[in-house]
Amino acid sequence: MASAVMKKTLNSIKNPLILRGLSSQTLRFSAVATASNHESEGASSSFTFNEKNSDKDDSIHVKGPSSNPRRETTSVTMPMSFMTGSIVGKRFYKQASTREADDGNGWTVMLDYRTLKTPSKRPLKLPTLSLAKAVAAEWEYQQTDGIRPFTMPLMKLACTALERVPLTRMKIIEYLMKKFHQDLVFCRAPGDSDLTIGVLERQVEKIDPLLQWVESQFGFKPIVYSCFFGGKQEDGLVNAIENLLKKTDDCELAAIDAIASAAHSLTIAIGIFRGKLQIEEAIELIRLEEDLQVDKWGLVEGGHDVDIADLKVQISSAAAFLGLSRRY
């Protein structure tokens, strides 16, 4: 379902090479996700999350007008289970739209006349209109019987970029670099048996071009290994990758972190970030060994097919978020 919503939410953007793997057609937003200037008397009302008693109460709470004119007139409070993937209440709004931020720096999402907010109750201010429309479309395509957060990957990434990344930027980079030495593309199957020789040949064919690109970009040749516990890359390559991560903005780092987590490979994430890899190419590299096993032994329904669908959503949504957040 999330994959279907992703296709509905994405619109064509300038130089959309990074999104080529999502669809062969030009994808357009719903007309209801266009920019509008819904205004009400006093301050705008808001959509927020409720952290209190989240384990006991999953209902949606609507707060009435405040007697204080300086405070928001109304608000809609969501339980924190929104962030865990649970279905949270029924759809409480008629229309999702976008609007330019009050300070003119960015765009916000409106649910009817309410401003969408992050879990910490700050306005969800997005860097581009394209990204704001995509997030609004995710809300627009929610069904009336319940809001399904697991069909809203762009919303989740937006909250991560706005709230988690600014506070934990260095920890995210440190964790990515810690896992860099065990990167998926550096690990090679041993070629000393009939069971693994086919995997090794496929790795050389498909992964070596990416490693050659890394060498051309950063000046150091990656070291491949067959040890289960990984190896150690040259300090020069490690420093070059770390410097690249430090220069990213919050949206870029959130997308790279999400791709690296799903792919078990920071190298593949950087390949998508730099435009070397398209989505389908990245997924092929990630699943290279498992797909060979499926070809040989068969696909397990309810297992392999679900894993493939989930991986496609994770990689596609992060790549789409990366492209839509960029100001061209």
C-alpha atoms as a PDB file:
ATOM      1  CA  MET A   1       0.000   0.000   0.000  1.00  0.00           C
ATOM      2  CA  ALA A   2       2.844   2.376   0.823  1.00  0.00           C
ATOM      3  CA  SER A   3       4.290   1.800  -2.637  1.00  0.00           C
ATOM      4  CA  ALA A   4       1.000   2.800  -4.248  1.00  0.00           C
ATOM      5  CA  VAL A   5       0.789   5.953  -2.147  1.00  0.00           C
ATOM      6  CA  MET A   6       4.388   6.821  -3.051  1.00  0.00           C
ATOM      7  CA  LYS A   7       3.541   6.663  -6.755  1.00  0.00           C
ATOM      8  CA  LYS A   8       0.504   8.878  -6.258  1.00  0.00           C
ATOM      9  CA  THR A   9       2.399  11.478  -4.232  1.00  0.00           C
ATOM     10  CA  LEU A  10       5.402  12.033  -6.495  1.00  0.00           C
ATOM     11  CA  ASN A  11       5.296  14.744  -9.137  1.00  0.00           C
ATOM     12  CA  SER A  12       7.842  15.294 -11.856  1.00  0.00           C
ATOM     13  CA  ILE A  13      10.673  17.582 -10.729  1.00  0.00           C
ATOM     14  CA  LYS A  14      13.470  19.286 -12.590  1.00  0.00           C
ATOM     15  CA  ASN A  15      16.310  16.873 -13.407  1.00  0.00           C
ATOM     16  CA  PRO A  16      14.537  13.870 -11.818  1.00  0.00           C
ATOM     17  CA  LEU A  17      17.239  11.295 -12.591  1.00  0.00           C
ATOM     18  CA  ILE A  18      17.290  10.090  -9.006  1.00  0.00           C
ATOM     19  CA  LEU A  19      13.612   9.164  -9.258  1.00  0.00           C
ATOM     20  CA  ARG A  20      13.805   7.241 -12.535  1.00  0.00           C
ATOM     21  CA  GLY A  21      13.306   3.887 -10.878  1.00  0.00           C
ATOM     22  CA  LEU A  22       9.982   4.808  -9.324  1.00  0.00           C
ATOM     23  CA  SER A  23       7.809   4.906 -12.408  1.00  0.00           C
ATOM     24  CA  SER A  24       7.941   5.084 -16.163  1.00  0.00           C
ATOM     25  CA  GLN A  25       5.201   7.671 -16.242  1.00  0.00           C
ATOM     26  CA  THR A  26       5.036  11.264 -15.168  1.00  0.00           C
ATOM     27  CA  LEU A  27       3.445  11.187 -11.727  1.00  0.00           C
ATOM     28  CA  ARG A  28       1.252  14.070 -10.706  1.00  0.00           C
ATOM     29  CA  PHE A  29      -0.111  15.269  -7.421  1.00  0.00           C
ATOM     30  CA  SER A  30      -3.768  15.400  -6.568  1.00  0.00           C
ATOM     31  CA  ALA A  31      -5.296  18.794  -7.122  1.00  0.00           C
ATOM     32  CA  VAL A  32      -6.153  18.964  -3.461  1.00  0.00           C
ATOM     33  CA  ALA A  33      -2.442  19.053  -2.585  1.00  0.00           C
ATOM     34  CA  THR A  34      -1.888  22.416  -4.232  1.00  0.00           C
ATOM     35  CA  ALA A  35      -0.742  25.488  -2.386  1.00  0.00           C
ATOM     36  CA  SER A  36      -3.452  27.473  -0.663  1.00  0.00           C
ATOM     37  CA  ASN A  37      -3.736  30.164   1.945  1.00  0.00           C
ATOM     38  CA  HIS A  38      -6.269  28.883   4.453  1.00  0.00           C
ATOM     39  CA  GLU A  39      -6.520  31.445   7.192  1.00  0.00           C
ATOM     40  CA  SER A  40      -8.663  31.710  10.281  1.00  0.00           C
ATOM     41  CA  GLU A  41      -9.144  34.416  12.839  1.00  0.00           C
ATOM     42  CA  GLY A  42      -6.221  34.641  15.236  1.00  0.00           C
ATOM     43  CA  ALA A  43      -3.335  32.194  14.990  1.00  0.00           C
ATOM     44  CA  SER A  44      -3.458  29.067  12.832  1.00  0.00           C
ATOM     45  CA  SER A  45      -4.598  25.928  14.552  1.00  0.00           C
ATOM     46  CA  SER A  46      -2.290  22.957  14.667  1.00  0.00           C
ATOM     47  CA  PHE A  47      -1.888  19.200  14.363  1.00  0.00           C
ATOM     48  CA  THR A  48       0.336  17.738  17.080  1.00  0.00           C
ATOM     49  CA  PHE A  49       1.184  14.476  18.820  1.00  0.00           C
ATOM     50  CA  ASN A  50       0.195  13.481  22.308  1.00  0.00           C
ATOM     51  CA  GLU A  51       2.948  11.951  24.440  1.00  0.00           C
ATOM     52  CA  LYS A  52       0.836  11.510  27.572  1.00  0.00           C
ATOM     53  CA  ASN A  53      -0.695   8.112  28.327  1.00  0.00           C
ATOM     54  CA  SER A  54       0.113   6.921  24.815  1.00  0.00           C
ATOM     55  CA  ASP A  55       0.067   3.340  26.017  1.00  0.00           C
ATOM     56  CA  LYS A  56      -3.505   3.651  27.188  1.00  0.00           C
ATOM     57  CA  ASP A  57      -5.173   6.033  24.774  1.00  0.00           C
ATOM     58  CA  ASP A  58      -4.915   5.839  20.975  1.00  0.00           C
ATOM     59  CA  SER A  59      -7.775   8.218  20.270  1.00  0.00           C
ATOM     60  CA  ILE A  60      -7.534  11.551  18.494  1.00  0.00           C
ATOM     61  CA  HIS A  61      -8.253  14.563  20.677  1.00  0.00           C
ATOM     62  CA  VAL A  62      -9.629  17.845  19.365  1.00  0.00           C
ATOM     63  CA  LYS A  63      -9.097  20.849  21.575  1.00  0.00           C
ATOM     64  CA  GLY A  64     -11.622  23.668  21.438  1.00  0.00           C
ATOM     65  CA  PRO A  65     -10.975  27.415  21.167  1.00  0.00           C
ATOM     66  CA  SER A  66      -8.773  28.963  23.827  1.00  0.00           C
ATOM     67  CA  SER A  67      -9.811  31.974  25.851  1.00  0.00           C
ATOM     68  CA  ASN A  68      -6.331  33.405  25.378  1.00  0.00           C
ATOM     69  CA  PRO A  69      -6.241  35.250  22.013  1.00  0.00           C
ATOM     70  CA  ARG A  70      -2.473  34.783  21.784  1.00  0.00           C
ATOM     71  CA  ARG A  71      -2.763  31.029  21.809  1.00  0.00           C
ATOM     72  CA  GLU A  72      -3.849  28.821  18.939  1.00  0.00           C
ATOM     73  CA  THR A  73      -7.590  28.742  18.406  1.00  0.00           C
ATOM     74  CA  THR A  74      -7.869  24.960  18.038  1.00  0.00           C
ATOM     75  CA  SER A  75      -5.581  21.962  17.882  1.00  0.00           C
ATOM     76  CA  VAL A  76      -5.702  18.294  16.989  1.00  0.00           C
ATOM     77  CA  THR A  77      -3.599  16.003  19.174  1.00  0.00           C
ATOM     78  CA  MET A  78      -2.449  12.606  17.922  1.00  0.00           C
ATOM     79  CA  PRO A  79      -1.122   9.744  20.106  1.00  0.00           C
ATOM     80  CA  MET A  80       2.575   8.887  19.888  1.00  0.00           C
ATOM     81  CA  SER A  81       1.607   5.513  18.412  1.00  0.00           C
ATOM     82  CA  PHE A  82       1.497   7.457  15.136  1.00  0.00           C
ATOM     83  CA  MET A  83       5.261   7.001  14.974  1.00  0.00           C
ATOM     84  CA  THR A  84       5.140   3.238  15.625  1.00  0.00           C
ATOM     85  CA  GLY A  85       3.085   2.192  12.601  1.00  0.00           C
ATOM     86  CA  SER A  86      -0.239   1.613  14.352  1.00  0.00           C
ATOM     87  CA  ILE A  87      -3.514   2.744  12.776  1.00  0.00           C
ATOM     88  CA  VAL A  88      -4.454   5.875  14.690  1.00  0.00           C
ATOM     89  CA  GLY A  89      -8.078   6.909  14.710  1.00  0.00           C
ATOM     90  CA  LYS A  90     -10.285   7.903  11.821  1.00  0.00           C
ATOM     91  CA  ARG A  91      -9.498  10.598   9.296  1.00  0.00           C
ATOM     92  CA  PHE A  92     -10.485  13.869  10.954  1.00  0.00           C
ATOM     93  CA  TYR A  93      -9.890  16.317   8.084  1.00  0.00           C
ATOM     94  CA  LYS A  94     -11.405  16.830   4.661  1.00  0.00           C
ATOM     95  CA  GLN A  95      -8.481  18.232   2.700  1.00  0.00           C
ATOM     96  CA  ALA A  96      -4.691  18.360   2.816  1.00  0.00           C
ATOM     97  CA  SER A  97      -2.976  21.293   1.153  1.00  0.00           C
ATOM     98  CA  THR A  98       0.237  23.341   1.252  1.00  0.00           C
ATOM     99  CA  ARG A  99       1.008  26.883   2.227  1.00  0.00           C
ATOM    100  CA  GLU A 100       4.081  29.094   2.325  1.00  0.00           C
ATOM    101  CA  ALA A 101       5.579  29.456   5.794  1.00  0.00           C
ATOM    102  CA  ASP A 102       4.754  32.662   7.660  1.00  0.00           C
ATOM    103  CA  ASP A 103       8.382  33.804   7.512  1.00  0.00           C
ATOM    104  CA  GLY A 104       8.562  33.073   3.774  1.00  0.00           C
ATOM    105  CA  ASN A 105      11.324  30.517   4.326  1.00  0.00           C
ATOM    106  CA  GLY A 106       9.901  27.135   3.408  1.00  0.00           C
ATOM    107  CA  TRP A 107       6.487  25.499   3.102  1.00  0.00           C
ATOM    108  CA  THR A 108       4.037  23.958   5.523  1.00  0.00           C
ATOM    109  CA  VAL A 109       1.261  21.380   5.204  1.00  0.00           C
ATOM    110  CA  MET A 110      -2.331  22.205   6.137  1.00  0.00           C
ATOM    111  CA  LEU A 111      -5.000  19.741   7.233  1.00  0.00           C
ATOM    112  CA  ASP A 112      -8.082  21.832   6.500  1.00  0.00           C
ATOM    113  CA  TYR A 113      -7.144  24.999   8.404  1.00  0.00           C
ATOM    114  CA  ARG A 114      -4.747  23.317  10.835  1.00  0.00           C
ATOM    115  CA  THR A 115      -0.974  23.548  10.484  1.00  0.00           C
ATOM    116  CA  LEU A 116       0.735  20.154  10.538  1.00  0.00           C
ATOM    117  CA  LYS A 117       3.333  19.920  13.295  1.00  0.00           C
ATOM    118  CA  THR A 118       6.175  17.613  14.281  1.00  0.00           C
ATOM    119  CA  PRO A 119       6.006  15.359  17.367  1.00  0.00           C
ATOM    120  CA  SER A 120       7.647  18.126  19.420  1.00  0.00           C
ATOM    121  CA  LYS A 121       4.873  20.503  18.352  1.00  0.00           C
ATOM    122  CA  ARG A 122       6.915  22.617  15.976  1.00  0.00           C
ATOM    123  CA  PRO A 123       5.512  23.501  12.527  1.00  0.00           C
ATOM    124  CA  LEU A 124       6.499  20.979   9.871  1.00  0.00           C
ATOM    125  CA  LYS A 125       8.381  23.493   7.730  1.00  0.00           C
ATOM    126  CA  LEU A 126       9.771  21.903   4.555  1.00  0.00           C
ATOM    127  CA  PRO A 127      12.471  23.342   2.268  1.00  0.00           C
ATOM    128  CA  THR A 128      10.637  23.014  -1.065  1.00  0.00           C
ATOM    129  CA  LEU A 129       7.089  23.190  -2.380  1.00  0.00           C
ATOM    130  CA  SER A 130       7.566  19.836  -4.134  1.00  0.00           C
ATOM    131  CA  LEU A 131       8.320  18.063  -0.855  1.00  0.00           C
ATOM    132  CA  ALA A 132       5.464  19.837   0.924  1.00  0.00           C
ATOM    133  CA  LYS A 133       3.035  18.707  -1.800  1.00  0.00           C
ATOM    134  CA  ALA A 134       4.304  15.130  -1.539  1.00  0.00           C
ATOM    135  CA  VAL A 135       3.779  15.057   2.228  1.00  0.00           C
ATOM    136  CA  ALA A 136       0.346  16.677   1.800  1.00  0.00           C
ATOM    137  CA  ALA A 137      -0.565  14.025  -0.757  1.00  0.00           C
ATOM    138  CA  GLU A 138       0.362  11.280   1.706  1.00  0.00           C
ATOM    139  CA  TRP A 139      -2.167  12.767   4.118  1.00  0.00           C
ATOM    140  CA  GLU A 140      -4.732  13.281   1.351  1.00  0.00           C
ATOM    141  CA  TYR A 141      -4.623   9.610   0.356  1.00  0.00           C
ATOM    142  CA  GLN A 142      -5.357   8.365   3.872  1.00  0.00           C
ATOM    143  CA  GLN A 143      -8.571   6.369   4.109  1.00  0.00           C
ATOM    144  CA  THR A 144     -11.573   7.498   6.109  1.00  0.00           C
ATOM    145  CA  ASP A 145     -11.545   4.478   8.435  1.00  0.00           C
ATOM    146  CA  GLY A 146      -8.084   5.199   9.834  1.00  0.00           C
ATOM    147  CA  ILE A 147      -4.765   7.007   9.434  1.00  0.00           C
ATOM    148  CA  ARG A 148      -2.004   4.569   8.476  1.00  0.00           C
ATOM    149  CA  PRO A 149       1.446   5.997   9.292  1.00  0.00           C
ATOM    150  CA  PHE A 150       3.202   3.088   7.550  1.00  0.00           C
ATOM    151  CA  THR A 151       1.934   4.485   4.229  1.00  0.00           C
ATOM    152  CA  MET A 152       3.591   7.871   4.921  1.00  0.00           C
ATOM    153  CA  PRO A 153       7.369   7.379   4.562  1.00  0.00           C
ATOM    154  CA  LEU A 154       8.013  10.966   3.438  1.00  0.00           C
ATOM    155  CA  MET A 155       6.286  12.328   6.543  1.00  0.00           C
ATOM    156  CA  LYS A 156       8.492  10.124   8.722  1.00  0.00           C
ATOM    157  CA  LEU A 157      11.661  11.240   6.947  1.00  0.00           C
ATOM    158  CA  ALA A 158      10.624  14.882   7.207  1.00  0.00           C
ATOM    159  CA  CYS A 159      10.183  14.576  10.982  1.00  0.00           C
ATOM    160  CA  THR A 160      13.550  12.832  11.211  1.00  0.00           C
ATOM    161  CA  ALA A 161      15.288  15.589   9.233  1.00  0.00           C
ATOM    162  CA  LEU A 162      13.671  18.383  11.228  1.00  0.00           C
ATOM    163  CA  GLU A 163      13.968  16.923  14.722  1.00  0.00           C
ATOM    164  CA  ARG A 164      16.400  14.046  15.048  1.00  0.00           C
ATOM    165  CA  VAL A 165      19.212  15.064  12.713  1.00  0.00           C
ATOM    166  CA  PRO A 166      19.893  18.561  14.134  1.00  0.00           C
ATOM    167  CA  LEU A 167      20.209  17.144  17.660  1.00  0.00           C
ATOM    168  CA  THR A 168      22.184  13.984  16.864  1.00  0.00           C
ATOM    169  CA  ARG A 169      24.064  14.870  13.665  1.00  0.00           C
ATOM    170  CA  MET A 170      27.514  13.862  14.924  1.00  0.00           C
ATOM    171  CA  LYS A 171      26.201  10.635  16.462  1.00  0.00           C
ATOM    172  CA  ILE A 172      24.559   9.687  13.167  1.00  0.00           C
ATOM    173  CA  ILE A 173      27.787  10.330  11.266  1.00  0.00           C
ATOM    174  CA  GLU A 174      29.841   8.417  13.840  1.00  0.00           C
ATOM    175  CA  TYR A 175      27.511   5.422  13.599  1.00  0.00           C
ATOM    176  CA  LEU A 176      27.583   5.449   9.791  1.00  0.00           C
ATOM    177  CA  MET A 177      31.374   5.565   9.789  1.00  0.00           C
ATOM    178  CA  LYS A 178      31.571   2.797  12.393  1.00  0.00           C
ATOM    179  CA  LYS A 179      29.574   0.526  10.075  1.00  0.00           C
ATOM    180  CA  PHE A 180      31.438   1.678   6.955  1.00  0.00           C
ATOM    181  CA  HIS A 181      34.178  -0.953   7.355  1.00  0.00           C
ATOM    182  CA  GLN A 182      31.540  -3.739   7.255  1.00  0.00           C
ATOM    183  CA  ASP A 183      29.839  -2.275   4.184  1.00  0.00           C
ATOM    184  CA  LEU A 184      27.868  -4.764   2.094  1.00  0.00           C
ATOM    185  CA  VAL A 185      29.784  -3.983  -1.117  1.00  0.00           C
ATOM    186  CA  PHE A 186      33.176  -4.644   0.482  1.00  0.00           C
ATOM    187  CA  CYS A 187      32.294  -8.215   1.461  1.00  0.00           C
ATOM    188  CA  ARG A 188      33.091 -10.893  -1.118  1.00  0.00           C
ATOM    189  CA  ALA A 189      32.015 -14.512  -1.214  1.00  0.00           C
ATOM    190  CA  PRO A 190      34.959 -16.949  -1.240  1.00  0.00           C
ATOM    191  CA  GLY A 191      35.551 -18.518  -4.623  1.00  0.00           C
ATOM    192  CA  ASP A 192      36.811 -21.864  -3.344  1.00  0.00           C
ATOM    193  CA  SER A 193      33.605 -23.891  -3.677  1.00  0.00           C
ATOM    194  CA  ASP A 194      30.828 -24.568  -6.162  1.00  0.00           C
ATOM    195  CA  LEU A 195      28.313 -23.012  -3.757  1.00  0.00           C
ATOM    196  CA  THR A 196      29.994 -19.601  -3.705  1.00  0.00           C
ATOM    197  CA  ILE A 197      31.826 -19.254  -7.016  1.00  0.00           C
ATOM    198  CA  GLY A 198      28.657 -18.043  -8.759  1.00  0.00           C
ATOM    199  CA  VAL A 199      28.086 -15.397  -6.092  1.00  0.00           C
ATOM    200  CA  LEU A 200      31.677 -14.148  -6.395  1.00  0.00           C
ATOM    201  CA  GLU A 201      31.424 -13.871 -10.181  1.00  0.00           C
ATOM    202  CA  ARG A 202      28.198 -11.885  -9.893  1.00  0.00           C
ATOM    203  CA  GLN A 203      29.726  -9.582  -7.264  1.00  0.00           C
ATOM    204  CA  VAL A 204      32.706  -8.848  -9.490  1.00  0.00           C
ATOM    205  CA  GLU A 205      30.392  -8.110 -12.409  1.00  0.00           C
ATOM    206  CA  LYS A 206      27.918  -5.884 -10.590  1.00  0.00           C
ATOM    207  CA  ILE A 207      29.780  -4.338  -7.651  1.00  0.00           C
ATOM    208  CA  ASP A 208      33.259  -3.685  -9.068  1.00  0.00           C
ATOM    209  CA  PRO A 209      32.026  -0.760 -11.253  1.00  0.00           C
ATOM    210  CA  LEU A 210      30.699   0.938  -8.106  1.00  0.00           C
ATOM    211  CA  LEU A 211      34.015   0.425  -6.287  1.00  0.00           C
ATOM    212  CA  GLN A 212      35.879   1.859  -9.278  1.00  0.00           C
ATOM    213  CA  TRP A 213      33.604   4.890  -9.134  1.00  0.00           C
ATOM    214  CA  VAL A 214      34.371   5.316  -5.420  1.00  0.00           C
ATOM    215  CA  GLU A 215      38.094   5.300  -6.226  1.00  0.00           C
ATOM    216  CA  SER A 216      37.624   7.915  -8.951  1.00  0.00           C
ATOM    217  CA  GLN A 217      35.572  10.144  -6.642  1.00  0.00           C
ATOM    218  CA  PHE A 218      37.636   9.957  -3.462  1.00  0.00           C
ATOM    219  CA  GLY A 219      41.111   8.926  -4.637  1.00  0.00           C
ATOM    220  CA  PHE A 220      41.373   5.688  -2.654  1.00  0.00           C
ATOM    221  CA  LYS A 221      40.662   2.130  -3.770  1.00  0.00           C
ATOM    222  CA  PRO A 222      38.246   0.301  -1.445  1.00  0.00           C
ATOM    223  CA  ILE A 223      39.553  -2.895   0.118  1.00  0.00           C
ATOM    224  CA  VAL A 224      37.414  -6.005  -0.348  1.00  0.00           C
ATOM    225  CA  TYR A 225      37.492  -8.965   2.021  1.00  0.00           C
ATOM    226  CA  SER A 226      35.907 -12.371   2.674  1.00  0.00           C
ATOM    227  CA  CYS A 227      35.981 -12.188   6.476  1.00  0.00           C
ATOM    228  CA  PHE A 228      32.570 -12.282   8.148  1.00  0.00           C
ATOM    229  CA  PHE A 229      33.663  -9.600  10.624  1.00  0.00           C
ATOM    230  CA  GLY A 230      34.770  -7.194   7.907  1.00  0.00           C
ATOM    231  CA  GLY A 231      38.058  -5.470   7.204  1.00  0.00           C
ATOM    232  CA  LYS A 232      39.480  -1.990   7.545  1.00  0.00           C
ATOM    233  CA  GLN A 233      39.466   0.678   4.860  1.00  0.00           C
ATOM    234  CA  GLU A 234      42.290   3.147   4.339  1.00  0.00           C
ATOM    235  CA  ASP A 235      42.209   6.216   6.562  1.00  0.00           C
ATOM    236  CA  GLY A 236      42.186   8.466   3.516  1.00  0.00           C
ATOM    237  CA  LEU A 237      38.953   6.939   2.210  1.00  0.00           C
ATOM    238  CA  VAL A 238      37.370   6.994   5.664  1.00  0.00           C
ATOM    239  CA  ASN A 239      38.212  10.682   6.126  1.00  0.00           C
ATOM    240  CA  ALA A 240      36.926  11.576   2.662  1.00  0.00           C
ATOM    241  CA  ILE A 241      33.578   9.851   3.278  1.00  0.00           C
ATOM    242  CA  GLU A 242      33.264  11.435   6.726  1.00  0.00           C
ATOM    243  CA  ASN A 243      33.955  14.914   5.320  1.00  0.00           C
ATOM    244  CA  LEU A 244      31.265  14.350   2.703  1.00  0.00           C
ATOM    245  CA  LEU A 245      28.714  13.484   5.387  1.00  0.00           C
ATOM    246  CA  LYS A 246      29.638  16.545   7.444  1.00  0.00           C
ATOM    247  CA  LYS A 247      28.883  18.813   4.474  1.00  0.00           C
ATOM    248  CA  THR A 248      25.353  17.487   3.967  1.00  0.00           C
ATOM    249  CA  ASP A 249      22.271  19.370   5.089  1.00  0.00           C
ATOM    250  CA  ASP A 250      19.751  17.807   7.472  1.00  0.00           C
ATOM    251  CA  CYS A 251      17.475  16.421   4.746  1.00  0.00           C
ATOM    252  CA  GLU A 252      20.397  14.896   2.853  1.00  0.00           C
ATOM    253  CA  LEU A 253      21.821  13.247   5.962  1.00  0.00           C
ATOM    254  CA  ALA A 254      18.398  11.871   6.938  1.00  0.00           C
ATOM    255  CA  ALA A 255      18.013  10.326   3.469  1.00  0.00           C
ATOM    256  CA  ILE A 256      21.557   8.905   3.425  1.00  0.00           C
ATOM    257  CA  ASP A 257      21.060   7.403   6.890  1.00  0.00           C
ATOM    258  CA  ALA A 258      17.748   5.816   5.861  1.00  0.00           C
ATOM    259  CA  ILE A 259      19.212   4.309   2.669  1.00  0.00           C
ATOM    260  CA  ALA A 260      22.342   3.063   4.434  1.00  0.00           C
ATOM    261  CA  SER A 261      20.219   1.414   7.121  1.00  0.00           C
ATOM    262  CA  ALA A 262      17.986  -0.354   4.595  1.00  0.00           C
ATOM    263  CA  ALA A 263      20.877  -1.320   2.298  1.00  0.00           C
ATOM    264  CA  HIS A 264      23.459  -2.172   4.975  1.00  0.00           C
ATOM    265  CA  SER A 265      25.735  -0.052   2.816  1.00  0.00           C
ATOM    266  CA  LEU A 266      26.853   3.554   3.160  1.00  0.00           C
ATOM    267  CA  THR A 267      28.556   3.216  -0.230  1.00  0.00           C
ATOM    268  CA  ILE A 268      25.260   2.471  -1.970  1.00  0.00           C
ATOM    269  CA  ALA A 269      23.650   5.386  -0.125  1.00  0.00           C
ATOM    270  CA  ILE A 270      26.379   7.737  -1.347  1.00  0.00           C
ATOM    271  CA  GLY A 271      26.025   6.292  -4.850  1.00  0.00           C
ATOM    272  CA  ILE A 272      22.349   7.323  -4.862  1.00  0.00           C
ATOM    273  CA  PHE A 273      23.174  10.668  -3.244  1.00  0.00           C
ATOM    274  CA  ARG A 274      25.789  11.480  -5.908  1.00  0.00           C
ATOM    275  CA  GLY A 275      23.634  10.207  -8.799  1.00  0.00           C
ATOM    276  CA  LYS A 276      25.805   7.186  -9.627  1.00  0.00           C
ATOM    277  CA  LEU A 277      23.075   4.655  -8.830  1.00  0.00           C
ATOM    278  CA  GLN A 278      19.411   4.650  -9.746  1.00  0.00           C
ATOM    279  CA  ILE A 279      16.887   3.074  -7.395  1.00  0.00           C
ATOM    280  CA  GLU A 280      16.523  -0.204  -9.271  1.00  0.00           C
ATOM    281  CA  GLU A 281      20.308  -0.536  -9.635  1.00  0.00           C
ATOM    282  CA  ALA A 282      20.752  -0.025  -5.895  1.00  0.00           C
ATOM    283  CA  ILE A 283      18.103  -2.629  -5.055  1.00  0.00           C
ATOM    284  CA  GLU A 284      19.778  -5.116  -7.399  1.00  0.00           C
ATOM    285  CA  LEU A 285      23.106  -4.688  -5.583  1.00  0.00           C
ATOM    286  CA  ILE A 286      21.482  -4.955  -2.154  1.00  0.00           C
ATOM    287  CA  ARG A 287      19.677  -8.172  -3.032  1.00  0.00           C
ATOM    288  CA  LEU A 288      22.382  -9.660  -5.255  1.00  0.00           C
ATOM    289  CA  GLU A 289      23.250 -12.666  -3.085  1.00  0.00           C
ATOM    290  CA  GLU A 290      19.696 -13.341  -1.901  1.00  0.00           C
ATOM    291  CA  ASP A 291      18.296 -13.157  -5.422  1.00  0.00           C
ATOM    292  CA  LEU A 292      20.805 -15.791  -6.517  1.00  0.00           C
ATOM    293  CA  GLN A 293      19.551 -18.017  -3.715  1.00  0.00           C
ATOM    294  CA  VAL A 294      15.938 -17.387  -4.771  1.00  0.00           C
ATOM    295  CA  ASP A 295      16.797 -18.281  -8.367  1.00  0.00           C
ATOM    296  CA  LYS A 296      18.321 -21.533  -7.204  1.00  0.00           C
ATOM    297  CA  TRP A 297      15.938 -22.623  -4.447  1.00  0.00           C
ATOM    298  CA  GLY A 298      12.751 -20.694  -5.162  1.00  0.00           C
ATOM    299  CA  LEU A 299      10.861 -17.785  -3.612  1.00  0.00           C
ATOM    300  CA  VAL A 300       9.082 -18.150  -0.275  1.00  0.00           C
ATOM    301  CA  GLU A 301       5.705 -16.456  -0.496  1.00  0.00           C
ATOM    302  CA  GLY A 302       5.006 -14.233   2.455  1.00  0.00           C
ATOM    303  CA  GLY A 303       8.738 -13.987   3.098  1.00  0.00           C
ATOM    304  CA  HIS A 304      10.955 -13.010   0.180  1.00  0.00           C
ATOM    305  CA  ASP A 305       8.211 -11.107  -1.633  1.00  0.00           C
ATOM    306  CA  VAL A 306       7.378  -9.064   1.469  1.00  0.00           C
ATOM    307  CA  ASP A 307      11.062  -8.295   2.060  1.00  0.00           C
ATOM    308  CA  ILE A 308      11.446  -7.123  -1.542  1.00  0.00           C
ATOM    309  CA  ALA A 309       8.390  -4.858  -1.343  1.00  0.00           C
ATOM    310  CA  ASP A 310       9.552  -3.373   1.969  1.00  0.00           C
ATOM    311  CA  LEU A 311      13.052  -2.721   0.616  1.00  0.00           C
ATOM    312  CA  LYS A 312      11.649  -0.998  -2.465  1.00  0.00           C
ATOM    313  CA  VAL A 313       9.525   1.315  -0.325  1.00  0.00           C
ATOM    314  CA  GLN A 314      12.430   2.191   1.988  1.00  0.00           C
ATOM    315  CA  ILE A 315      14.930   2.913  -0.790  1.00  0.00           C
ATOM    316  CA  SER A 316      12.436   4.643  -3.103  1.00  0.00           C
ATOM    317  CA  SER A 317      10.979   6.888  -0.411  1.00  0.00           C
ATOM    318  CA  ALA A 318      14.415   7.991   0.827  1.00  0.00           C
ATOM    319  CA  ALA A 319      15.615   8.659  -2.738  1.00  0.00           C
ATOM    320  CA  ALA A 320      12.414  10.562  -3.499  1.00  0.00           C
ATOM    321  CA  PHE A 321      12.773  12.572  -0.287  1.00  0.00           C
ATOM    322  CA  LEU A 322      16.348  13.413  -1.271  1.00  0.00           C
ATOM    323  CA  GLY A 323      15.320  14.635  -4.721  1.00  0.00           C
ATOM    324  CA  LEU A 324      12.234  16.549  -3.586  1.00  0.00           C
ATOM    325  CA  SER A 325      14.085  18.356  -0.779  1.00  0.00           C
ATOM    326  CA  ARG A 326      16.708  19.839  -3.086  1.00  0.00           C
ATOM    327  CA  ARG A 327      16.398  23.418  -4.285  1.00  0.00           C
ATOM    328  CA  TYR A 328      17.318  23.395  -7.971  1.00  0.00           C
END
